[in-house]
Amino acid sequence: MTDTAAQVHALLTDGTTMRIRQAGPDDRDEVLRLYEEMSPENLRLRFFAASRRSAEKAAARVADQPRRG
């Protein structure tokens, strides 16, 4: 499967489209930043803990997985 075949596009409510793809190792810093910018309440609801370490572990899980295909 090529990267192009693995891409999905979504139509946003404002009429624009966005490309959705699986995160890879190059995305780890951005995924971590996403989690680090969450409020403590959001972290607690997402990870059942308000620990920033939970965010680091989640970013590693999401971004460090080998791409399927």
PDB file of N, CA and C in Angstrom:
ATOM      1  N   MET A   1       0.841  -1.170   0.000  1.00  0.00           N
ATOM      2  CA  MET A   1       0.000   0.000   0.000  1.00  0.00           C
ATOM      3  C   MET A   1       0.890   1.238   0.000  1.00  0.00           C
ATOM      4  N   THR A   2       0.642   2.155  -0.863  1.00  0.00           N
ATOM      5  CA  THR A   2       1.428   3.384  -0.915  1.00  0.00           C
ATOM      6  C   THR A   2       0.869   4.398   0.058  1.00  0.00           C
ATOM      7  N   ASP A   3       1.644   5.443   0.344  1.00  0.00           N
ATOM      8  CA  ASP A   3       1.159   6.496   1.232  1.00  0.00           C
ATOM      9  C   ASP A   3      -0.121   7.121   0.703  1.00  0.00           C
ATOM     10  N   THR A   4      -0.212   7.275  -0.615  1.00  0.00           N
ATOM     11  CA  THR A   4      -1.399   7.865  -1.214  1.00  0.00           C
ATOM     12  C   THR A   4      -2.621   7.006  -0.957  1.00  0.00           C
ATOM     13  N   ALA A   5      -2.481   5.681  -1.073  1.00  0.00           N
ATOM     14  CA  ALA A   5      -3.607   4.782  -0.860  1.00  0.00           C
ATOM     15  C   ALA A   5      -4.063   4.787   0.591  1.00  0.00           C
ATOM     16  N   ALA A   6      -3.163   5.072   1.528  1.00  0.00           N
ATOM     17  CA  ALA A   6      -3.493   5.037   2.948  1.00  0.00           C
ATOM     18  C   ALA A   6      -4.126   6.344   3.423  1.00  0.00           C
ATOM     19  N   GLN A   7      -4.210   7.342   2.586  1.00  0.00           N
ATOM     20  CA  GLN A   7      -4.733   8.639   2.982  1.00  0.00           C
ATOM     21  C   GLN A   7      -6.259   8.646   2.933  1.00  0.00           C
ATOM     22  N   VAL A   8      -6.829   9.368   3.878  1.00  0.00           N
ATOM     23  CA  VAL A   8      -8.271   9.573   3.925  1.00  0.00           C
ATOM     24  C   VAL A   8      -8.488  11.069   4.010  1.00  0.00           C
ATOM     25  N   HIS A   9      -9.499  11.562   3.357  1.00  0.00           N
ATOM     26  CA  HIS A   9      -9.818  12.987   3.426  1.00  0.00           C
ATOM     27  C   HIS A   9     -11.149  13.160   4.144  1.00  0.00           C
ATOM     28  N   ALA A  10     -11.247  14.227   4.939  1.00  0.00           N
ATOM     29  CA  ALA A  10     -12.463  14.526   5.683  1.00  0.00           C
ATOM     30  C   ALA A  10     -12.937  15.921   5.317  1.00  0.00           C
ATOM     31  N   LEU A  11     -14.233  16.062   5.197  1.00  0.00           N
ATOM     32  CA  LEU A  11     -14.852  17.357   4.921  1.00  0.00           C
ATOM     33  C   LEU A  11     -15.195  18.008   6.253  1.00  0.00           C
ATOM     34  N   LEU A  12     -14.647  19.196   6.479  1.00  0.00           N
ATOM     35  CA  LEU A  12     -14.894  19.920   7.726  1.00  0.00           C
ATOM     36  C   LEU A  12     -16.164  20.750   7.608  1.00  0.00           C
ATOM     37  N   THR A  13     -16.692  21.181   8.725  1.00  0.00           N
ATOM     38  CA  THR A  13     -17.952  21.924   8.714  1.00  0.00           C
ATOM     39  C   THR A  13     -17.859  23.252   7.975  1.00  0.00           C
ATOM     40  N   ASP A  14     -16.633  23.790   7.828  1.00  0.00           N
ATOM     41  CA  ASP A  14     -16.490  25.055   7.097  1.00  0.00           C
ATOM     42  C   ASP A  14     -16.303  24.836   5.595  1.00  0.00           C
ATOM     43  N   GLY A  15     -16.384  23.579   5.151  1.00  0.00           N
ATOM     44  CA  GLY A  15     -16.297  23.272   3.725  1.00  0.00           C
ATOM     45  C   GLY A  15     -14.903  22.900   3.243  1.00  0.00           C
ATOM     46  N   THR A  16     -13.894  23.077   4.070  1.00  0.00           N
ATOM     47  CA  THR A  16     -12.543  22.684   3.671  1.00  0.00           C
ATOM     48  C   THR A  16     -12.350  21.192   3.912  1.00  0.00           C
ATOM     49  N   THR A  17     -11.345  20.651   3.269  1.00  0.00           N
ATOM     50  CA  THR A  17     -11.029  19.244   3.493  1.00  0.00           C
ATOM     51  C   THR A  17      -9.670  19.138   4.172  1.00  0.00           C
ATOM     52  N   MET A  18      -9.501  18.060   4.895  1.00  0.00           N
ATOM     53  CA  MET A  18      -8.214  17.796   5.517  1.00  0.00           C
ATOM     54  C   MET A  18      -7.832  16.352   5.254  1.00  0.00           C
ATOM     55  N   ARG A  19      -6.535  16.123   5.184  1.00  0.00           N
ATOM     56  CA  ARG A  19      -6.006  14.786   4.953  1.00  0.00           C
ATOM     57  C   ARG A  19      -5.744  14.137   6.299  1.00  0.00           C
ATOM     58  N   ILE A  20      -6.190  12.907   6.457  1.00  0.00           N
ATOM     59  CA  ILE A  20      -5.967  12.146   7.683  1.00  0.00           C
ATOM     60  C   ILE A  20      -5.068  10.977   7.334  1.00  0.00           C
ATOM     61  N   ARG A  21      -4.007  10.811   8.106  1.00  0.00           N
ATOM     62  CA  ARG A  21      -3.097   9.696   7.876  1.00  0.00           C
ATOM     63  C   ARG A  21      -2.582   9.207   9.213  1.00  0.00           C
ATOM     64  N   GLN A  22      -2.035   8.021   9.207  1.00  0.00           N
ATOM     65  CA  GLN A  22      -1.471   7.463  10.429  1.00  0.00           C
ATOM     66  C   GLN A  22      -0.216   8.236  10.814  1.00  0.00           C
ATOM     67  N   ALA A  23      -0.079   8.514  12.093  1.00  0.00           N
ATOM     68  CA  ALA A  23       1.114   9.193  12.585  1.00  0.00           C
ATOM     69  C   ALA A  23       2.309   8.253  12.507  1.00  0.00           C
ATOM     70  N   GLY A  24       3.465   8.824  12.263  1.00  0.00           N
ATOM     71  CA  GLY A  24       4.697   8.048  12.203  1.00  0.00           C
ATOM     72  C   GLY A  24       5.754   8.664  13.099  1.00  0.00           C
ATOM     73  N   PRO A  25       6.944   8.086  13.110  1.00  0.00           N
ATOM     74  CA  PRO A  25       8.021   8.583  13.975  1.00  0.00           C
ATOM     75  C   PRO A  25       8.321  10.074  13.792  1.00  0.00           C
ATOM     76  N   ASP A  26       8.192  10.584  12.584  1.00  0.00           N
ATOM     77  CA  ASP A  26       8.465  12.006  12.346  1.00  0.00           C
ATOM     78  C   ASP A  26       7.426  12.916  13.002  1.00  0.00           C
ATOM     79  N   ASP A  27       6.290  12.354  13.400  1.00  0.00           N
ATOM     80  CA  ASP A  27       5.205  13.134  13.994  1.00  0.00           C
ATOM     81  C   ASP A  27       5.234  13.148  15.516  1.00  0.00           C
ATOM     82  N   ARG A  28       6.171  12.448  16.124  1.00  0.00           N
ATOM     83  CA  ARG A  28       6.177  12.271  17.577  1.00  0.00           C
ATOM     84  C   ARG A  28       6.163  13.600  18.327  1.00  0.00           C
ATOM     85  N   ASP A  29       6.999  14.553  17.933  1.00  0.00           N
ATOM     86  CA  ASP A  29       7.056  15.841  18.635  1.00  0.00           C
ATOM     87  C   ASP A  29       5.728  16.594  18.546  1.00  0.00           C
ATOM     88  N   GLU A  30       5.087  16.541  17.397  1.00  0.00           N
ATOM     89  CA  GLU A  30       3.803  17.240  17.229  1.00  0.00           C
ATOM     90  C   GLU A  30       2.702  16.564  18.035  1.00  0.00           C
ATOM     91  N   VAL A  31       2.694  15.232  18.068  1.00  0.00           N
ATOM     92  CA  VAL A  31       1.699  14.512  18.867  1.00  0.00           C
ATOM     93  C   VAL A  31       1.920  14.818  20.344  1.00  0.00           C
ATOM     94  N   LEU A  32       3.167  14.814  20.775  1.00  0.00           N
ATOM     95  CA  LEU A  32       3.477  15.137  22.162  1.00  0.00           C
ATOM     96  C   LEU A  32       3.031  16.559  22.496  1.00  0.00           C
ATOM     97  N   ARG A  33       3.278  17.490  21.604  1.00  0.00           N
ATOM     98  CA  ARG A  33       2.853  18.884  21.835  1.00  0.00           C
ATOM     99  C   ARG A  33       1.333  18.970  21.965  1.00  0.00           C
ATOM    100  N   LEU A  34       0.616  18.223  21.140  1.00  0.00           N
ATOM    101  CA  LEU A  34      -0.847  18.187  21.227  1.00  0.00           C
ATOM    102  C   LEU A  34      -1.281  17.757  22.621  1.00  0.00           C
ATOM    103  N   TYR A  35      -0.686  16.675  23.116  1.00  0.00           N
ATOM    104  CA  TYR A  35      -1.044  16.180  24.444  1.00  0.00           C
ATOM    105  C   TYR A  35      -0.590  17.137  25.545  1.00  0.00           C
ATOM    106  N   GLU A  36       0.593  17.732  25.397  1.00  0.00           N
ATOM    107  CA  GLU A  36       1.112  18.636  26.428  1.00  0.00           C
ATOM    108  C   GLU A  36       0.268  19.902  26.568  1.00  0.00           C
ATOM    109  N   GLU A  37      -0.395  20.300  25.500  1.00  0.00           N
ATOM    110  CA  GLU A  37      -1.215  21.512  25.544  1.00  0.00           C
ATOM    111  C   GLU A  37      -2.626  21.263  26.073  1.00  0.00           C
ATOM    112  N   MET A  38      -2.953  20.007  26.363  1.00  0.00           N
ATOM    113  CA  MET A  38      -4.267  19.689  26.917  1.00  0.00           C
ATOM    114  C   MET A  38      -4.353  20.164  28.365  1.00  0.00           C
ATOM    115  N   SER A  39      -5.548  20.506  28.765  1.00  0.00           N
ATOM    116  CA  SER A  39      -5.768  20.894  30.154  1.00  0.00           C
ATOM    117  C   SER A  39      -5.638  19.664  31.050  1.00  0.00           C
ATOM    118  N   PRO A  40      -5.363  19.878  32.333  1.00  0.00           N
ATOM    119  CA  PRO A  40      -5.311  18.745  33.259  1.00  0.00           C
ATOM    120  C   PRO A  40      -6.607  17.926  33.248  1.00  0.00           C
ATOM    121  N   GLU A  41      -7.735  18.597  33.119  1.00  0.00           N
ATOM    122  CA  GLU A  41      -9.027  17.884  33.060  1.00  0.00           C
ATOM    123  C   GLU A  41      -9.114  16.995  31.822  1.00  0.00           C
ATOM    124  N   ASN A  42      -8.696  17.516  30.681  1.00  0.00           N
ATOM    125  CA  ASN A  42      -8.714  16.731  29.451  1.00  0.00           C
ATOM    126  C   ASN A  42      -7.756  15.545  29.566  1.00  0.00           C
ATOM    127  N   LEU A  43      -6.580  15.769  30.127  1.00  0.00           N
ATOM    128  CA  LEU A  43      -5.636  14.668  30.340  1.00  0.00           C
ATOM    129  C   LEU A  43      -6.244  13.592  31.230  1.00  0.00           C
ATOM    130  N   ARG A  44      -6.917  14.013  32.287  1.00  0.00           N
ATOM    131  CA  ARG A  44      -7.527  13.051  33.202  1.00  0.00           C
ATOM    132  C   ARG A  44      -8.607  12.235  32.502  1.00  0.00           C
ATOM    133  N   LEU A  45      -9.430  12.896  31.707  1.00  0.00           N
ATOM    134  CA  LEU A  45     -10.500  12.187  30.998  1.00  0.00           C
ATOM    135  C   LEU A  45      -9.948  11.266  29.909  1.00  0.00           C
ATOM    136  N   ARG A  46      -8.874  11.667  29.252  1.00  0.00           N
ATOM    137  CA  ARG A  46      -8.301  10.880  28.162  1.00  0.00           C
ATOM    138  C   ARG A  46      -7.458   9.718  28.665  1.00  0.00           C
ATOM    139  N   PHE A  47      -6.642   9.961  29.693  1.00  0.00           N
ATOM    140  CA  PHE A  47      -5.677   8.956  30.151  1.00  0.00           C
ATOM    141  C   PHE A  47      -5.977   8.422  31.547  1.00  0.00           C
ATOM    142  N   PHE A  48      -7.059   8.879  32.163  1.00  0.00           N
ATOM    143  CA  PHE A  48      -7.421   8.490  33.523  1.00  0.00           C
ATOM    144  C   PHE A  48      -6.337   8.895  34.521  1.00  0.00           C
ATOM    145  N   ALA A  49      -5.567   9.905  34.157  1.00  0.00           N
ATOM    146  CA  ALA A  49      -4.532  10.470  35.016  1.00  0.00           C
ATOM    147  C   ALA A  49      -4.220  11.865  34.483  1.00  0.00           C
ATOM    148  N   ALA A  50      -3.781  12.752  35.352  1.00  0.00           N
ATOM    149  CA  ALA A  50      -3.430  14.107  34.922  1.00  0.00           C
ATOM    150  C   ALA A  50      -1.930  14.260  34.740  1.00  0.00           C
ATOM    151  N   SER A  51      -1.241  13.158  34.670  1.00  0.00           N
ATOM    152  CA  SER A  51       0.214  13.160  34.566  1.00  0.00           C
ATOM    153  C   SER A  51       0.676  13.515  33.155  1.00  0.00           C
ATOM    154  N   ARG A  52       1.668  14.388  33.057  1.00  0.00           N
ATOM    155  CA  ARG A  52       2.264  14.704  31.757  1.00  0.00           C
ATOM    156  C   ARG A  52       3.014  13.487  31.213  1.00  0.00           C
ATOM    157  N   ARG A  53       3.427  12.590  32.092  1.00  0.00           N
ATOM    158  CA  ARG A  53       4.114  11.365  31.656  1.00  0.00           C
ATOM    159  C   ARG A  53       3.167  10.501  30.820  1.00  0.00           C
ATOM    160  N   SER A  54       1.879  10.532  31.144  1.00  0.00           N
ATOM    161  CA  SER A  54       0.895   9.802  30.347  1.00  0.00           C
ATOM    162  C   SER A  54       0.885  10.312  28.909  1.00  0.00           C
ATOM    163  N   ALA A  55       1.027  11.619  28.756  1.00  0.00           N
ATOM    164  CA  ALA A  55       1.062  12.217  27.420  1.00  0.00           C
ATOM    165  C   ALA A  55       2.291  11.744  26.658  1.00  0.00           C
ATOM    166  N   GLU A  56       3.432  11.686  27.328  1.00  0.00           N
ATOM    167  CA  GLU A  56       4.664  11.218  26.669  1.00  0.00           C
ATOM    168  C   GLU A  56       4.516   9.770  26.206  1.00  0.00           C
ATOM    169  N   LYS A  57       3.952   8.934  27.050  1.00  0.00           N
ATOM    170  CA  LYS A  57       3.762   7.525  26.693  1.00  0.00           C
ATOM    171  C   LYS A  57       2.787   7.385  25.521  1.00  0.00           C
ATOM    172  N   ALA A  58       1.728   8.174  25.545  1.00  0.00           N
ATOM    173  CA  ALA A  58       0.747   8.105  24.462  1.00  0.00           C
ATOM    174  C   ALA A  58       1.350   8.570  23.145  1.00  0.00           C
ATOM    175  N   ALA A  59       2.129   9.634  23.170  1.00  0.00           N
ATOM    176  CA  ALA A  59       2.773  10.120  21.941  1.00  0.00           C
ATOM    177  C   ALA A  59       3.711   9.063  21.386  1.00  0.00           C
ATOM    178  N   ALA A  60       4.433   8.385  22.245  1.00  0.00           N
ATOM    179  CA  ALA A  60       5.332   7.321  21.795  1.00  0.00           C
ATOM    180  C   ALA A  60       4.538   6.184  21.165  1.00  0.00           C
ATOM    181  N   ARG A  61       3.424   5.812  21.790  1.00  0.00           N
ATOM    182  CA  ARG A  61       2.585   4.738  21.230  1.00  0.00           C
ATOM    183  C   ARG A  61       2.032   5.105  19.862  1.00  0.00           C
ATOM    184  N   VAL A  62       1.549   6.318  19.740  1.00  0.00           N
ATOM    185  CA  VAL A  62       0.909   6.749  18.496  1.00  0.00           C
ATOM    186  C   VAL A  62       1.929   6.916  17.375  1.00  0.00           C
ATOM    187  N   ALA A  63       3.018   7.590  17.653  1.00  0.00           N
ATOM    188  CA  ALA A  63       3.949   7.982  16.591  1.00  0.00           C
ATOM    189  C   ALA A  63       5.044   6.963  16.311  1.00  0.00           C
ATOM    190  N   ASP A  64       5.376   6.135  17.258  1.00  0.00           N
ATOM    191  CA  ASP A  64       6.497   5.214  17.056  1.00  0.00           C
ATOM    192  C   ASP A  64       6.086   3.877  16.469  1.00  0.00           C
ATOM    193  N   GLN A  65       4.805   3.678  16.236  1.00  0.00           N
ATOM    194  CA  GLN A  65       4.349   2.429  15.630  1.00  0.00           C
ATOM    195  C   GLN A  65       4.782   2.393  14.171  1.00  0.00           C
ATOM    196  N   PRO A  66       5.184   1.203  13.682  1.00  0.00           N
ATOM    197  CA  PRO A  66       5.502   1.109  12.253  1.00  0.00           C
ATOM    198  C   PRO A  66       4.236   1.301  11.424  1.00  0.00           C
ATOM    199  N   ARG A  67       4.396   1.947  10.293  1.00  0.00           N
ATOM    200  CA  ARG A  67       3.241   2.179   9.419  1.00  0.00           C
ATOM    201  C   ARG A  67       2.778   0.871   8.816  1.00  0.00           C
ATOM    202  N   ARG A  68       1.457   0.756   8.730  1.00  0.00           N
ATOM    203  CA  ARG A  68       0.880  -0.438   8.098  1.00  0.00           C
ATOM    204  C   ARG A  68       0.984  -0.291   6.593  1.00  0.00           C
ATOM    205  N   GLY A  69       1.081  -1.430   5.933  1.00  0.00           N
ATOM    206  CA  GLY A  69       1.047  -1.348   4.474  1.00  0.00           C
ATOM    207  C   GLY A  69       2.135  -2.007   3.849  1.00  0.00           C
TER     208      GLY A  69
END
